[in-house]
Full PDB file with SEQRES, HELIX, SHEET, SSBOND, CRYST1, ORIGX, SCALE, CONECT and MASTER records, all heavy atoms in Angstrom:
SEQRES   1 A   37  MET ILE LYS ASN TYR LEU ALA ASP ILE SER SER ILE ARG          
SEQRES   2 A   37  GLU LYS LEU LYS THR GLN LYS ASP MET PHE LYS SER SER          
SEQRES   3 A   37  PHE GLU GLY ASP LYS GLN PHE SER GLU VAL ASP                  
HELIX    1 AA1 ILE A    2  GLU A   28  1                                  27    
HELIX    2 AA2 LYS A   31  VAL A   36  1                                   6    
CRYST1    1.000    1.000    1.000  90.00  90.00  90.00 P 1           1          
ORIGX1      1.000000  0.000000  0.000000        0.00000                         
ORIGX2      0.000000  1.000000  0.000000        0.00000                         
ORIGX3      0.000000  0.000000  1.000000        0.00000                         
SCALE1      1.000000  0.000000  0.000000        0.00000                         
SCALE2      0.000000  1.000000  0.000000        0.00000                         
SCALE3      0.000000  0.000000  1.000000        0.00000                         
ATOM      1  N   MET A   1       4.165  -3.013 -17.319  1.00  0.00           N  
ATOM      2  CA  MET A   1       3.605  -1.691 -16.995  1.00  0.00           C  
ATOM      3  C   MET A   1       3.502  -1.513 -15.477  1.00  0.00           C  
ATOM      4  O   MET A   1       3.800  -0.453 -14.939  1.00  0.00           O  
ATOM      5  CB  MET A   1       2.220  -1.530 -17.657  1.00  0.00           C  
ATOM      6  CG  MET A   1       2.328  -1.348 -19.176  1.00  0.00           C  
ATOM      7  SD  MET A   1       0.751  -1.353 -20.046  1.00  0.00           S  
ATOM      8  CE  MET A   1      -0.219  -0.179 -19.166  1.00  0.00           C  
ATOM      9  N   ILE A   2       3.079  -2.546 -14.770  1.00  0.00           N  
ATOM     10  CA  ILE A   2       2.986  -2.484 -13.299  1.00  0.00           C  
ATOM     11  C   ILE A   2       4.375  -2.246 -12.714  1.00  0.00           C  
ATOM     12  O   ILE A   2       4.552  -1.394 -11.836  1.00  0.00           O  
ATOM     13  CB  ILE A   2       2.339  -3.790 -12.748  1.00  0.00           C  
ATOM     14  CG1 ILE A   2       0.872  -3.832 -13.118  1.00  0.00           C  
ATOM     15  CG2 ILE A   2       2.511  -3.864 -11.237  1.00  0.00           C  
ATOM     16  CD1 ILE A   2       0.201  -5.179 -12.844  1.00  0.00           C  
ATOM     17  N   LYS A   3       5.368  -2.957 -13.199  1.00  0.00           N  
ATOM     18  CA  LYS A   3       6.741  -2.790 -12.695  1.00  0.00           C  
ATOM     19  C   LYS A   3       7.245  -1.377 -12.986  1.00  0.00           C  
ATOM     20  O   LYS A   3       7.929  -0.784 -12.154  1.00  0.00           O  
ATOM     21  CB  LYS A   3       7.659  -3.832 -13.314  1.00  0.00           C  
ATOM     22  CG  LYS A   3       7.413  -5.231 -12.769  1.00  0.00           C  
ATOM     23  CD  LYS A   3       8.275  -6.276 -13.461  1.00  0.00           C  
ATOM     24  CE  LYS A   3       7.919  -7.663 -12.965  1.00  0.00           C  
ATOM     25  NZ  LYS A   3       8.700  -8.696 -13.634  1.00  0.00           N  
ATOM     26  N   ASN A   4       6.929  -0.837 -14.163  1.00  0.00           N  
ATOM     27  CA  ASN A   4       7.330   0.529 -14.498  1.00  0.00           C  
ATOM     28  C   ASN A   4       6.699   1.528 -13.536  1.00  0.00           C  
ATOM     29  O   ASN A   4       7.340   2.458 -13.078  1.00  0.00           O  
ATOM     30  CB  ASN A   4       6.974   0.868 -15.940  1.00  0.00           C  
ATOM     31  CG  ASN A   4       7.831   0.133 -16.941  1.00  0.00           C  
ATOM     32  OD1 ASN A   4       8.872  -0.401 -16.626  1.00  0.00           O  
ATOM     33  ND2 ASN A   4       7.355   0.114 -18.173  1.00  0.00           N  
ATOM     34  N   TYR A   5       5.418   1.335 -13.243  1.00  0.00           N  
ATOM     35  CA  TYR A   5       4.740   2.233 -12.309  1.00  0.00           C  
ATOM     36  C   TYR A   5       5.328   2.115 -10.905  1.00  0.00           C  
ATOM     37  O   TYR A   5       5.489   3.109 -10.201  1.00  0.00           O  
ATOM     38  CB  TYR A   5       3.229   1.990 -12.291  1.00  0.00           C  
ATOM     39  CG  TYR A   5       2.483   2.813 -13.288  1.00  0.00           C  
ATOM     40  CD1 TYR A   5       2.214   2.340 -14.565  1.00  0.00           C  
ATOM     41  CD2 TYR A   5       2.088   4.116 -12.991  1.00  0.00           C  
ATOM     42  CE1 TYR A   5       1.527   3.096 -15.503  1.00  0.00           C  
ATOM     43  CE2 TYR A   5       1.422   4.892 -13.933  1.00  0.00           C  
ATOM     44  CZ  TYR A   5       1.140   4.381 -15.169  1.00  0.00           C  
ATOM     45  OH  TYR A   5       0.497   5.153 -16.076  1.00  0.00           O  
ATOM     46  N   LEU A   6       5.658   0.903 -10.496  1.00  0.00           N  
ATOM     47  CA  LEU A   6       6.259   0.719  -9.183  1.00  0.00           C  
ATOM     48  C   LEU A   6       7.603   1.460  -9.107  1.00  0.00           C  
ATOM     49  O   LEU A   6       7.906   2.118  -8.105  1.00  0.00           O  
ATOM     50  CB  LEU A   6       6.480  -0.775  -8.895  1.00  0.00           C  
ATOM     51  CG  LEU A   6       5.231  -1.562  -8.532  1.00  0.00           C  
ATOM     52  CD1 LEU A   6       5.547  -3.066  -8.479  1.00  0.00           C  
ATOM     53  CD2 LEU A   6       4.649  -1.096  -7.214  1.00  0.00           C  
ATOM     54  N   ALA A   7       8.377   1.384 -10.170  1.00  0.00           N  
ATOM     55  CA  ALA A   7       9.675   2.093 -10.223  1.00  0.00           C  
ATOM     56  C   ALA A   7       9.452   3.614 -10.197  1.00  0.00           C  
ATOM     57  O   ALA A   7      10.158   4.346  -9.504  1.00  0.00           O  
ATOM     58  CB  ALA A   7      10.466   1.682 -11.449  1.00  0.00           C  
ATOM     59  N   ASP A   8       8.470   4.098 -10.964  1.00  0.00           N  
ATOM     60  CA  ASP A   8       8.146   5.531 -10.974  1.00  0.00           C  
ATOM     61  C   ASP A   8       7.721   6.014  -9.587  1.00  0.00           C  
ATOM     62  O   ASP A   8       8.165   7.079  -9.117  1.00  0.00           O  
ATOM     63  CB  ASP A   8       7.031   5.833 -11.976  1.00  0.00           C  
ATOM     64  CG  ASP A   8       7.471   5.703 -13.421  1.00  0.00           C  
ATOM     65  OD1 ASP A   8       8.696   5.602 -13.663  1.00  0.00           O  
ATOM     66  OD2 ASP A   8       6.578   5.703 -14.301  1.00  0.00           O  
ATOM     67  N   ILE A   9       6.883   5.231  -8.938  1.00  0.00           N  
ATOM     68  CA  ILE A   9       6.408   5.596  -7.579  1.00  0.00           C  
ATOM     69  C   ILE A   9       7.591   5.649  -6.618  1.00  0.00           C  
ATOM     70  O   ILE A   9       7.696   6.575  -5.823  1.00  0.00           O  
ATOM     71  CB  ILE A   9       5.326   4.602  -7.115  1.00  0.00           C  
ATOM     72  CG1 ILE A   9       4.047   4.829  -7.919  1.00  0.00           C  
ATOM     73  CG2 ILE A   9       5.064   4.735  -5.615  1.00  0.00           C  
ATOM     74  CD1 ILE A   9       2.994   3.746  -7.744  1.00  0.00           C  
ATOM     75  N   SER A  10       8.469   4.692  -6.710  1.00  0.00           N  
ATOM     76  CA  SER A  10       9.661   4.679  -5.835  1.00  0.00           C  
ATOM     77  C   SER A  10      10.520   5.927  -6.079  1.00  0.00           C  
ATOM     78  O   SER A  10      10.987   6.557  -5.126  1.00  0.00           O  
ATOM     79  CB  SER A  10      10.468   3.415  -6.083  1.00  0.00           C  
ATOM     80  OG  SER A  10      11.616   3.406  -5.296  1.00  0.00           O  
ATOM     81  N   SER A  11      10.718   6.256  -7.331  1.00  0.00           N  
ATOM     82  CA  SER A  11      11.531   7.442  -7.681  1.00  0.00           C  
ATOM     83  C   SER A  11      10.864   8.727  -7.163  1.00  0.00           C  
ATOM     84  O   SER A  11      11.532   9.602  -6.606  1.00  0.00           O  
ATOM     85  CB  SER A  11      11.703   7.512  -9.202  1.00  0.00           C  
ATOM     86  OG  SER A  11      12.331   8.695  -9.579  1.00  0.00           O  
ATOM     87  N   ILE A  12       9.575   8.835  -7.356  1.00  0.00           N  
ATOM     88  CA  ILE A  12       8.854  10.025  -6.894  1.00  0.00           C  
ATOM     89  C   ILE A  12       8.915  10.117  -5.377  1.00  0.00           C  
ATOM     90  O   ILE A  12       9.089  11.241  -4.827  1.00  0.00           O  
ATOM     91  CB  ILE A  12       7.387   9.992  -7.395  1.00  0.00           C  
ATOM     92  CG1 ILE A  12       7.356  10.163  -8.902  1.00  0.00           C  
ATOM     93  CG2 ILE A  12       6.560  11.078  -6.721  1.00  0.00           C  
ATOM     94  CD1 ILE A  12       6.007   9.871  -9.534  1.00  0.00           C  
ATOM     95  N   ARG A  13       8.786   8.991  -4.692  1.00  0.00           N  
ATOM     96  CA  ARG A  13       8.884   9.013  -3.212  1.00  0.00           C  
ATOM     97  C   ARG A  13      10.243   9.517  -2.746  1.00  0.00           C  
ATOM     98  O   ARG A  13      10.333  10.277  -1.794  1.00  0.00           O  
ATOM     99  CB  ARG A  13       8.607   7.623  -2.650  1.00  0.00           C  
ATOM    100  CG  ARG A  13       7.154   7.282  -2.607  1.00  0.00           C  
ATOM    101  CD  ARG A  13       6.914   5.944  -1.888  1.00  0.00           C  
ATOM    102  NE  ARG A  13       5.497   5.715  -1.776  1.00  0.00           N  
ATOM    103  CZ  ARG A  13       4.928   4.523  -1.830  1.00  0.00           C  
ATOM    104  NH1 ARG A  13       5.678   3.460  -1.995  1.00  0.00           N  
ATOM    105  NH2 ARG A  13       3.624   4.387  -1.715  1.00  0.00           N  
ATOM    106  N   GLU A  14      11.293   9.100  -3.412  1.00  0.00           N  
ATOM    107  CA  GLU A  14      12.651   9.544  -3.073  1.00  0.00           C  
ATOM    108  C   GLU A  14      12.790  11.041  -3.279  1.00  0.00           C  
ATOM    109  O   GLU A  14      13.334  11.757  -2.425  1.00  0.00           O  
ATOM    110  CB  GLU A  14      13.713   8.783  -3.875  1.00  0.00           C  
ATOM    111  CG  GLU A  14      13.988   7.401  -3.346  1.00  0.00           C  
ATOM    112  CD  GLU A  14      14.551   7.417  -1.944  1.00  0.00           C  
ATOM    113  OE1 GLU A  14      15.449   8.223  -1.623  1.00  0.00           O  
ATOM    114  OE2 GLU A  14      14.056   6.597  -1.118  1.00  0.00           O  
ATOM    115  N   LYS A  15      12.312  11.527  -4.433  1.00  0.00           N  
ATOM    116  CA  LYS A  15      12.369  12.972  -4.705  1.00  0.00           C  
ATOM    117  C   LYS A  15      11.546  13.750  -3.696  1.00  0.00           C  
ATOM    118  O   LYS A  15      11.969  14.818  -3.225  1.00  0.00           O  
ATOM    119  CB  LYS A  15      11.874  13.259  -6.127  1.00  0.00           C  
ATOM    120  CG  LYS A  15      12.794  12.768  -7.218  1.00  0.00           C  
ATOM    121  CD  LYS A  15      12.183  12.988  -8.588  1.00  0.00           C  
ATOM    122  CE  LYS A  15      13.054  12.362  -9.672  1.00  0.00           C  
ATOM    123  NZ  LYS A  15      12.403  12.509 -10.999  1.00  0.00           N  
ATOM    124  N   LEU A  16      10.377  13.240  -3.358  1.00  0.00           N  
ATOM    125  CA  LEU A  16       9.520  13.881  -2.371  1.00  0.00           C  
ATOM    126  C   LEU A  16      10.200  13.947  -1.005  1.00  0.00           C  
ATOM    127  O   LEU A  16      10.140  14.992  -0.322  1.00  0.00           O  
ATOM    128  CB  LEU A  16       8.183  13.136  -2.291  1.00  0.00           C  
ATOM    129  CG  LEU A  16       7.119  13.713  -1.372  1.00  0.00           C  
ATOM    130  CD1 LEU A  16       6.752  15.139  -1.787  1.00  0.00           C  
ATOM    131  CD2 LEU A  16       5.866  12.840  -1.377  1.00  0.00           C  
ATOM    132  N   LYS A  17      10.846  12.877  -0.599  1.00  0.00           N  
ATOM    133  CA  LYS A  17      11.551  12.850   0.676  1.00  0.00           C  
ATOM    134  C   LYS A  17      12.657  13.899   0.693  1.00  0.00           C  
ATOM    135  O   LYS A  17      12.809  14.641   1.680  1.00  0.00           O  
ATOM    136  CB  LYS A  17      12.152  11.467   0.923  1.00  0.00           C  
ATOM    137  CG  LYS A  17      12.867  11.329   2.255  1.00  0.00           C  
ATOM    138  CD  LYS A  17      13.480   9.977   2.420  1.00  0.00           C  
ATOM    139  CE  LYS A  17      14.165   9.756   3.726  1.00  0.00           C  
ATOM    140  NZ  LYS A  17      15.091  10.765   4.151  1.00  0.00           N  
ATOM    141  N   THR A  18      13.413  14.005  -0.380  1.00  0.00           N  
ATOM    142  CA  THR A  18      14.475  14.985  -0.492  1.00  0.00           C  
ATOM    143  C   THR A  18      13.899  16.419  -0.360  1.00  0.00           C  
ATOM    144  O   THR A  18      14.430  17.240   0.376  1.00  0.00           O  
ATOM    145  CB  THR A  18      15.231  14.852  -1.830  1.00  0.00           C  
ATOM    146  OG1 THR A  18      15.767  13.538  -1.911  1.00  0.00           O  
ATOM    147  CG2 THR A  18      16.330  15.868  -1.942  1.00  0.00           C  
ATOM    148  N   GLN A  19      12.812  16.673  -1.084  1.00  0.00           N  
ATOM    149  CA  GLN A  19      12.219  18.008  -1.035  1.00  0.00           C  
ATOM    150  C   GLN A  19      11.660  18.326   0.362  1.00  0.00           C  
ATOM    151  O   GLN A  19      11.785  19.457   0.846  1.00  0.00           O  
ATOM    152  CB  GLN A  19      11.087  18.128  -2.081  1.00  0.00           C  
ATOM    153  CG  GLN A  19      11.576  18.065  -3.524  1.00  0.00           C  
ATOM    154  CD  GLN A  19      12.531  19.201  -3.857  1.00  0.00           C  
ATOM    155  OE1 GLN A  19      12.293  20.332  -3.544  1.00  0.00           O  
ATOM    156  NE2 GLN A  19      13.655  18.845  -4.486  1.00  0.00           N  
ATOM    157  N   LYS A  20      11.036  17.337   1.003  1.00  0.00           N  
ATOM    158  CA  LYS A  20      10.508  17.557   2.335  1.00  0.00           C  
ATOM    159  C   LYS A  20      11.639  17.825   3.334  1.00  0.00           C  
ATOM    160  O   LYS A  20      11.504  18.667   4.231  1.00  0.00           O  
ATOM    161  CB  LYS A  20       9.691  16.331   2.792  1.00  0.00           C  
ATOM    162  CG  LYS A  20       8.325  16.282   2.191  1.00  0.00           C  
ATOM    163  CD  LYS A  20       7.543  15.094   2.737  1.00  0.00           C  
ATOM    164  CE  LYS A  20       6.132  15.080   2.230  1.00  0.00           C  
ATOM    165  NZ  LYS A  20       5.341  13.952   2.796  1.00  0.00           N  
ATOM    166  N   ASP A  21      12.753  17.100   3.183  1.00  0.00           N  
ATOM    167  CA  ASP A  21      13.905  17.348   4.066  1.00  0.00           C  
ATOM    168  C   ASP A  21      14.447  18.756   3.885  1.00  0.00           C  
ATOM    169  O   ASP A  21      14.785  19.430   4.867  1.00  0.00           O  
ATOM    170  CB  ASP A  21      15.016  16.315   3.806  1.00  0.00           C  
ATOM    171  CG  ASP A  21      14.650  14.923   4.295  1.00  0.00           C  
ATOM    172  OD1 ASP A  21      13.709  14.800   5.104  1.00  0.00           O  
ATOM    173  OD2 ASP A  21      15.324  13.958   3.871  1.00  0.00           O  
ATOM    174  N   MET A  22      14.545  19.204   2.640  1.00  0.00           N  
ATOM    175  CA  MET A  22      15.008  20.568   2.377  1.00  0.00           C  
ATOM    176  C   MET A  22      14.043  21.596   2.984  1.00  0.00           C  
ATOM    177  O   MET A  22      14.475  22.576   3.591  1.00  0.00           O  
ATOM    178  CB  MET A  22      15.140  20.792   0.861  1.00  0.00           C  
ATOM    179  CG  MET A  22      16.312  20.064   0.257  1.00  0.00           C  
ATOM    180  SD  MET A  22      16.350  20.091  -1.564  1.00  0.00           S  
ATOM    181  CE  MET A  22      15.986  21.758  -1.984  1.00  0.00           C  
ATOM    182  N   PHE A  23      12.767  21.361   2.835  1.00  0.00           N  
ATOM    183  CA  PHE A  23      11.737  22.258   3.383  1.00  0.00           C  
ATOM    184  C   PHE A  23      11.849  22.321   4.893  1.00  0.00           C  
ATOM    185  O   PHE A  23      11.864  23.413   5.492  1.00  0.00           O  
ATOM    186  CB  PHE A  23      10.354  21.737   2.943  1.00  0.00           C  
ATOM    187  CG  PHE A  23       9.226  22.636   3.322  1.00  0.00           C  
ATOM    188  CD1 PHE A  23       8.965  23.787   2.617  1.00  0.00           C  
ATOM    189  CD2 PHE A  23       8.400  22.295   4.379  1.00  0.00           C  
ATOM    190  CE1 PHE A  23       7.900  24.624   2.963  1.00  0.00           C  
ATOM    191  CE2 PHE A  23       7.339  23.108   4.737  1.00  0.00           C  
ATOM    192  CZ  PHE A  23       7.080  24.276   4.031  1.00  0.00           C  
ATOM    193  N   LYS A  24      11.979  21.155   5.538  1.00  0.00           N  
ATOM    194  CA  LYS A  24      12.068  21.079   6.995  1.00  0.00           C  
ATOM    195  C   LYS A  24      13.328  21.773   7.499  1.00  0.00           C  
ATOM    196  O   LYS A  24      13.280  22.479   8.515  1.00  0.00           O  
ATOM    197  CB  LYS A  24      12.041  19.614   7.419  1.00  0.00           C  
ATOM    198  CG  LYS A  24      12.026  19.409   8.908  1.00  0.00           C  
ATOM    199  CD  LYS A  24      12.002  17.932   9.272  1.00  0.00           C  
ATOM    200  CE  LYS A  24      12.100  17.728  10.747  1.00  0.00           C  
ATOM    201  NZ  LYS A  24      12.125  16.296  11.098  1.00  0.00           N  
ATOM    202  N   SER A  25      14.451  21.593   6.812  1.00  0.00           N  
ATOM    203  CA  SER A  25      15.696  22.182   7.272  1.00  0.00           C  
ATOM    204  C   SER A  25      15.662  23.715   7.193  1.00  0.00           C  
ATOM    205  O   SER A  25      16.342  24.401   7.992  1.00  0.00           O  
ATOM    206  CB  SER A  25      16.880  21.635   6.491  1.00  0.00           C  
ATOM    207  OG  SER A  25      16.863  22.062   5.160  1.00  0.00           O  
ATOM    208  N   SER A  26      14.886  24.275   6.282  1.00  0.00           N  
ATOM    209  CA  SER A  26      14.809  25.725   6.205  1.00  0.00           C  
ATOM    210  C   SER A  26      14.144  26.317   7.438  1.00  0.00           C  
ATOM    211  O   SER A  26      14.434  27.436   7.827  1.00  0.00           O  
ATOM    212  CB  SER A  26      14.070  26.156   4.926  1.00  0.00           C  
ATOM    213  OG  SER A  26      12.743  25.722   4.935  1.00  0.00           O  
ATOM    214  N   PHE A  27      13.273  25.566   8.079  1.00  0.00           N  
ATOM    215  CA  PHE A  27      12.628  26.049   9.306  1.00  0.00           C  
ATOM    216  C   PHE A  27      13.549  25.867  10.517  1.00  0.00           C  
ATOM    217  O   PHE A  27      13.571  26.693  11.420  1.00  0.00           O  
ATOM    218  CB  PHE A  27      11.308  25.293   9.569  1.00  0.00           C  
ATOM    219  CG  PHE A  27      10.224  25.683   8.590  1.00  0.00           C  
ATOM    220  CD1 PHE A  27       9.989  24.915   7.482  1.00  0.00           C  
ATOM    221  CD2 PHE A  27       9.476  26.813   8.801  1.00  0.00           C  
ATOM    222  CE1 PHE A  27       9.006  25.257   6.575  1.00  0.00           C  
ATOM    223  CE2 PHE A  27       8.479  27.185   7.917  1.00  0.00           C  
ATOM    224  CZ  PHE A  27       8.243  26.402   6.781  1.00  0.00           C  
ATOM    225  N   GLU A  28      14.305  24.768  10.514  1.00  0.00           N  
ATOM    226  CA  GLU A  28      15.174  24.466  11.639  1.00  0.00           C  
ATOM    227  C   GLU A  28      16.275  25.513  11.787  1.00  0.00           C  
ATOM    228  O   GLU A  28      16.771  25.733  12.874  1.00  0.00           O  
ATOM    229  CB  GLU A  28      15.771  23.070  11.479  1.00  0.00           C  
ATOM    230  CG  GLU A  28      14.731  21.974  11.626  1.00  0.00           C  
ATOM    231  CD  GLU A  28      15.270  20.610  11.231  1.00  0.00           C  
ATOM    232  OE1 GLU A  28      16.381  20.503  10.664  1.00  0.00           O  
ATOM    233  OE2 GLU A  28      14.547  19.629  11.485  1.00  0.00           O  
ATOM    234  N   GLY A  29      16.677  26.160  10.704  1.00  0.00           N  
ATOM    235  CA  GLY A  29      17.736  27.141  10.738  1.00  0.00           C  
ATOM    236  C   GLY A  29      17.268  28.554  11.141  1.00  0.00           C  
ATOM    237  O   GLY A  29      18.096  29.438  11.359  1.00  0.00           O  
ATOM    238  N   ASP A  30      15.987  28.763  11.283  1.00  0.00           N  
ATOM    239  CA  ASP A  30      15.438  30.079  11.593  1.00  0.00           C  
ATOM    240  C   ASP A  30      15.273  30.220  13.107  1.00  0.00           C  
ATOM    241  O   ASP A  30      14.528  29.463  13.739  1.00  0.00           O  
ATOM    242  CB  ASP A  30      14.078  30.256  10.902  1.00  0.00           C  
ATOM    243  CG  ASP A  30      13.560  31.667  11.043  1.00  0.00           C  
ATOM    244  OD1 ASP A  30      12.909  31.941  12.068  1.00  0.00           O  
ATOM    245  OD2 ASP A  30      13.820  32.476  10.138  1.00  0.00           O  
ATOM    246  N   LYS A  31      15.950  31.215  13.710  1.00  0.00           N  
ATOM    247  CA  LYS A  31      15.955  31.405  15.167  1.00  0.00           C  
ATOM    248  C   LYS A  31      14.545  31.713  15.688  1.00  0.00           C  
ATOM    249  O   LYS A  31      14.098  31.142  16.700  1.00  0.00           O  
ATOM    250  CB  LYS A  31      16.919  32.518  15.562  1.00  0.00           C  
ATOM    251  CG  LYS A  31      17.003  32.728  17.047  1.00  0.00           C  
ATOM    252  CD  LYS A  31      17.969  33.838  17.416  1.00  0.00           C  
ATOM    253  CE  LYS A  31      17.958  34.032  18.922  1.00  0.00           C  
ATOM    254  NZ  LYS A  31      18.754  35.176  19.316  1.00  0.00           N  
ATOM    255  N   GLN A  32      13.841  32.630  15.012  1.00  0.00           N  
ATOM    256  CA  GLN A  32      12.507  33.009  15.467  1.00  0.00           C  
ATOM    257  C   GLN A  32      11.548  31.813  15.436  1.00  0.00           C  
ATOM    258  O   GLN A  32      10.776  31.592  16.357  1.00  0.00           O  
ATOM    259  CB  GLN A  32      11.961  34.135  14.584  1.00  0.00           C  
ATOM    260  CG  GLN A  32      10.624  34.681  15.057  1.00  0.00           C  
ATOM    261  CD  GLN A  32      10.132  35.804  14.168  1.00  0.00           C  
ATOM    262  OE1 GLN A  32      10.703  36.095  13.124  1.00  0.00           O  
ATOM    263  NE2 GLN A  32       9.049  36.446  14.570  1.00  0.00           N  
ATOM    264  N   PHE A  33      11.630  31.025  14.380  1.00  0.00           N  
ATOM    265  CA  PHE A  33      10.786  29.843  14.291  1.00  0.00           C  
ATOM    266  C   PHE A  33      11.110  28.874  15.401  1.00  0.00           C  
ATOM    267  O   PHE A  33      10.218  28.278  16.014  1.00  0.00           O  
ATOM    268  CB  PHE A  33      10.926  29.160  12.930  1.00  0.00           C  
ATOM    269  CG  PHE A  33      10.105  27.910  12.809  1.00  0.00           C  
ATOM    270  CD1 PHE A  33       8.761  27.988  12.453  1.00  0.00           C  
ATOM    271  CD2 PHE A  33      10.652  26.657  13.048  1.00  0.00           C  
ATOM    272  CE1 PHE A  33       7.984  26.853  12.328  1.00  0.00           C  
ATOM    273  CE2 PHE A  33       9.882  25.516  12.953  1.00  0.00           C  
ATOM    274  CZ  PHE A  33       8.558  25.612  12.581  1.00  0.00           C  
ATOM    275  N   SER A  34      12.407  28.692  15.690  1.00  0.00           N  
ATOM    276  CA  SER A  34      12.816  27.760  16.747  1.00  0.00           C  
ATOM    277  C   SER A  34      12.269  28.162  18.096  1.00  0.00           C  
ATOM    278  O   SER A  34      11.815  27.310  18.882  1.00  0.00           O  
ATOM    279  CB  SER A  34      14.345  27.680  16.816  1.00  0.00           C  
ATOM    280  OG  SER A  34      14.867  27.118  15.624  1.00  0.00           O  
ATOM    281  N   GLU A  35      12.278  29.465  18.387  1.00  0.00           N  
ATOM    282  CA  GLU A  35      11.747  29.940  19.663  1.00  0.00           C  
ATOM    283  C   GLU A  35      10.249  29.661  19.765  1.00  0.00           C  
ATOM    284  O   GLU A  35       9.743  29.205  20.810  1.00  0.00           O  
ATOM    285  CB  GLU A  35      12.030  31.441  19.821  1.00  0.00           C  
ATOM    286  CG  GLU A  35      13.487  31.771  20.020  1.00  0.00           C  
ATOM    287  CD  GLU A  35      13.787  33.269  19.949  1.00  0.00           C  
ATOM    288  OE1 GLU A  35      12.845  34.061  19.689  1.00  0.00           O  
ATOM    289  OE2 GLU A  35      14.947  33.637  20.147  1.00  0.00           O  
ATOM    290  N   VAL A  36       9.542  29.987  18.714  1.00  0.00           N  
ATOM    291  CA  VAL A  36       8.092  29.741  18.699  1.00  0.00           C  
ATOM    292  C   VAL A  36       7.802  28.251  18.782  1.00  0.00           C  
ATOM    293  O   VAL A  36       6.852  27.830  19.468  1.00  0.00           O  
ATOM    294  CB  VAL A  36       7.449  30.354  17.419  1.00  0.00           C  
ATOM    295  CG1 VAL A  36       6.005  29.961  17.302  1.00  0.00           C  
ATOM    296  CG2 VAL A  36       7.600  31.860  17.444  1.00  0.00           C  
ATOM    297  N   ASP A  37       8.607  27.443  18.143  1.00  0.00           N  
ATOM    298  CA  ASP A  37       8.437  25.998  18.178  1.00  0.00           C  
ATOM    299  C   ASP A  37       8.593  25.465  19.602  1.00  0.00           C  
ATOM    300  O   ASP A  37       7.834  24.592  20.025  1.00  0.00           O  
ATOM    301  CB  ASP A  37       9.420  25.324  17.226  1.00  0.00           C  
ATOM    302  CG  ASP A  37       9.134  23.844  17.027  1.00  0.00           C  
ATOM    303  OD1 ASP A  37       7.942  23.504  16.837  1.00  0.00           O  
ATOM    304  OD2 ASP A  37      10.081  23.045  17.021  1.00  0.00           O  
TER     305      ASP A  37                                                      
MASTER        0    0    0    2    0    0    0    6  304    1    0    3          
END                                                                             
């Protein structure tokens, strides 16, 4: 059960990283946001 949870946590972390990267890239492509940044 511990090993299963460790695998689940690893999988969720990977999915979270992917989603965060997609979220971050949507801001990087916006000219107005870039100027304010």
